[in-house]
Protein backbone atom coordinates (compact mmCIF):
# COMPACT_ATOMS: atom_id res chain seq x y z
CA UNK A 1 -49.04 18.17 9.07
CA UNK A 2 -48.89 15.08 6.82
CA UNK A 3 -46.18 12.44 7.61
CA UNK A 4 -44.18 10.69 5.00
CA UNK A 5 -44.84 6.90 4.76
CA UNK A 6 -42.18 4.85 6.57
CA UNK A 7 -40.80 3.16 3.47
CA UNK A 8 -39.93 6.78 2.06
CA UNK A 9 -37.99 7.57 5.27
CA UNK A 10 -36.33 4.27 5.16
CA UNK A 11 -35.48 4.31 1.32
CA UNK A 12 -34.01 7.98 2.02
CA UNK A 13 -31.88 6.67 4.64
CA UNK A 14 -30.57 3.80 2.76
CA UNK A 15 -29.60 6.15 -0.21
CA UNK A 16 -27.72 8.30 2.46
CA UNK A 17 -25.91 5.31 3.99
CA UNK A 18 -24.88 4.08 0.53
CA UNK A 19 -23.64 7.37 -0.43
CA UNK A 20 -21.57 7.77 2.54
CA UNK A 21 -20.14 4.22 2.20
CA UNK A 22 -19.20 4.93 -1.35
CA UNK A 23 -17.65 8.26 -0.40
CA UNK A 24 -15.63 6.65 2.30
CA UNK A 25 -14.15 4.39 -0.18
CA UNK A 26 -12.53 6.92 -2.32
CA UNK A 27 -11.32 9.26 0.40
CA UNK A 28 -7.63 9.97 0.84
CA UNK A 29 -5.64 12.61 2.53
CA UNK A 30 -3.44 14.96 0.70
CA UNK A 31 0.34 14.24 0.75
CA UNK A 32 2.45 17.07 2.47
CA UNK A 33 6.20 17.84 1.90
CA UNK A 34 6.36 14.68 -0.30
CA UNK A 35 7.24 14.38 -3.93
CA UNK A 36 6.95 11.23 -6.21
CA UNK A 37 8.71 11.46 -9.57
CA UNK A 38 8.29 8.48 -12.18
CA UNK A 39 11.68 7.64 -13.67
CA UNK A 40 10.48 4.91 -15.99
CA UNK A 41 7.14 3.33 -17.02
CA UNK A 42 6.59 0.20 -18.79
CA UNK A 43 3.62 -1.88 -19.92
CA UNK A 44 3.31 -5.56 -19.82
CA UNK A 45 1.10 -7.98 -21.48
CA UNK A 46 -0.62 -10.59 -19.44
CA UNK A 47 1.83 -12.02 -16.89
CA UNK A 48 1.86 -15.77 -15.58
CA UNK A 49 5.06 -16.54 -14.05
CA UNK A 50 5.83 -19.20 -11.55
CA UNK A 51 9.47 -19.19 -10.01
CA UNK A 52 10.57 -22.31 -8.06
CA UNK A 53 10.33 -24.16 -4.94
CA UNK A 54 13.60 -24.36 -3.06
CA UNK A 55 13.74 -26.98 -0.46
CA UNK A 56 15.81 -26.22 2.70
CA UNK A 57 19.06 -27.94 3.05
CA UNK A 58 19.67 -30.96 5.28
CA UNK A 59 22.07 -29.12 7.63
CA UNK A 60 22.82 -28.15 11.10
CA UNK A 61 23.17 -24.52 10.01
CA UNK A 62 19.82 -22.98 11.09
CA UNK A 63 20.01 -20.15 8.65
CA UNK A 64 20.08 -22.70 5.76
CA UNK A 65 16.90 -24.40 7.14
CA UNK A 66 14.89 -21.15 6.87
CA UNK A 67 12.24 -20.13 4.35
CA UNK A 68 11.11 -21.80 1.19
CA UNK A 69 11.09 -19.21 -1.47
CA UNK A 70 8.10 -19.06 -3.86
CA UNK A 71 7.01 -16.30 -6.19
CA UNK A 72 4.08 -16.36 -8.39
CA UNK A 73 3.13 -13.29 -10.31
CA UNK A 74 -0.22 -13.37 -12.32
CA UNK A 75 -2.28 -10.68 -13.89
CA UNK A 76 -5.49 -10.63 -16.27
CA UNK A 77 -4.74 -8.49 -19.11
CA UNK A 78 -1.91 -5.88 -19.26
CA UNK A 79 -0.29 -4.09 -16.47
CA UNK A 80 1.72 -0.91 -15.90
CA UNK A 81 5.12 -0.98 -14.09
CA UNK A 82 6.42 2.28 -12.61
CA UNK A 83 9.79 2.97 -11.21
CA UNK A 84 9.32 5.76 -8.93
CA UNK A 85 11.53 7.98 -6.84
CA UNK A 86 9.67 9.41 -3.74
CA UNK A 87 11.19 12.21 -1.66
CA UNK A 88 9.87 13.06 1.78
CA UNK A 89 11.14 16.47 3.14
CA UNK A 90 11.51 16.68 6.85
CA UNK A 91 8.10 15.88 8.50
CA UNK A 92 6.77 14.79 5.05
CA UNK A 93 3.83 12.47 4.54
CA UNK A 94 2.25 10.58 1.58
CA UNK A 95 -1.25 11.03 3.22
CA UNK A 96 -3.60 7.99 3.73
CA UNK A 97 -3.83 6.20 0.34
CA UNK A 98 -3.81 2.80 -1.48
CA UNK A 99 -2.72 1.48 -4.77
CA UNK A 100 -4.27 -0.79 -7.20
CA UNK A 101 -1.42 -3.10 -7.16
CA UNK A 102 1.64 -4.14 -4.95
CA UNK A 103 4.76 -2.06 -4.62
CA UNK A 104 8.30 -3.14 -3.71
CA UNK A 105 9.94 -0.36 -1.84
CA UNK A 106 13.70 0.15 -1.20
CA UNK A 107 14.66 2.95 1.31
CA UNK A 108 17.61 4.76 -0.30
CA UNK A 109 17.99 7.41 2.16
CA UNK A 110 16.88 8.61 5.51
CA UNK A 111 14.13 6.88 7.55
CA UNK A 112 10.35 6.40 6.81
CA UNK A 113 7.51 5.22 9.09
CA UNK A 114 4.51 3.46 7.76
CA UNK A 115 1.19 2.90 9.55
CA UNK A 116 -1.49 0.52 8.47
CA UNK A 117 -5.21 1.69 8.16
CA UNK A 118 -6.53 -1.60 9.71
CA UNK A 119 -4.27 -1.39 12.65
CA UNK A 120 -6.49 -0.34 15.72
CA UNK A 121 -3.07 0.16 17.73
CA UNK A 122 -1.59 2.43 14.90
CA UNK A 123 1.87 0.51 15.36
CA UNK A 124 4.50 2.21 13.45
CA UNK A 125 6.87 0.17 11.18
CA UNK A 126 10.09 2.12 10.81
CA UNK A 127 12.54 1.64 7.67
CA UNK A 128 16.04 3.10 7.30
CA UNK A 129 18.41 3.30 4.43
CA UNK A 130 19.03 -0.12 2.88
CA UNK A 131 15.80 -1.62 4.31
CA UNK A 132 12.91 -2.88 1.97
CA UNK A 133 9.26 -3.40 2.52
CA UNK A 134 6.23 -4.36 0.38
CA UNK A 135 2.85 -2.54 0.10
CA UNK A 136 0.44 -5.13 -0.91
CA UNK A 137 -1.91 -2.58 -2.73
CA UNK A 138 -5.56 -3.44 -3.32
CA UNK A 139 -7.70 -2.23 -0.49
CA UNK A 140 -4.51 -1.84 1.74
CA UNK A 141 -4.87 1.79 3.15
CA UNK A 142 -1.58 3.04 4.65
CA UNK A 143 0.55 6.25 5.06
CA UNK A 144 4.19 6.47 5.04
CA UNK A 145 5.76 9.48 6.82
CA UNK A 146 9.22 10.83 7.45
CA UNK A 147 9.18 11.62 11.17
CA UNK A 148 12.81 12.48 11.33
CA UNK A 149 14.70 15.81 10.66
CA UNK A 150 16.34 14.91 7.58
CA UNK A 151 15.17 14.07 3.98
CA UNK A 152 14.26 10.44 3.32
């Protein structure tokens, strides 16, 4: 039996590994008992906004000595903005996923639990009604679940 040259075997292996890597980058898991509804959608032209630096006050009040607020929003080209209402039934899940851009999230009812794809300890972050959090988007893979017995 004639053997294939080593370069053919290595080349074939490289193609299989490359195909696997590209496949991994597009995998996501299905949502379950989760419904997302777009309430509003808008399109912005290129954004280049810089807000302001707020120096802390010279005071004995520790609360007023805290964080300096800075916001910079910049895009290349146009961007879409979605106002979304997401509803998790009891034990519902978004599935593992990511977004092209960041999301600002306000929990308006119930409790949701977020898990980060790059956290080897799979530590939950729990958010209840009135709390907020940011999903940075990009290659940030995460899942948001409703682990409670009521709708969120």
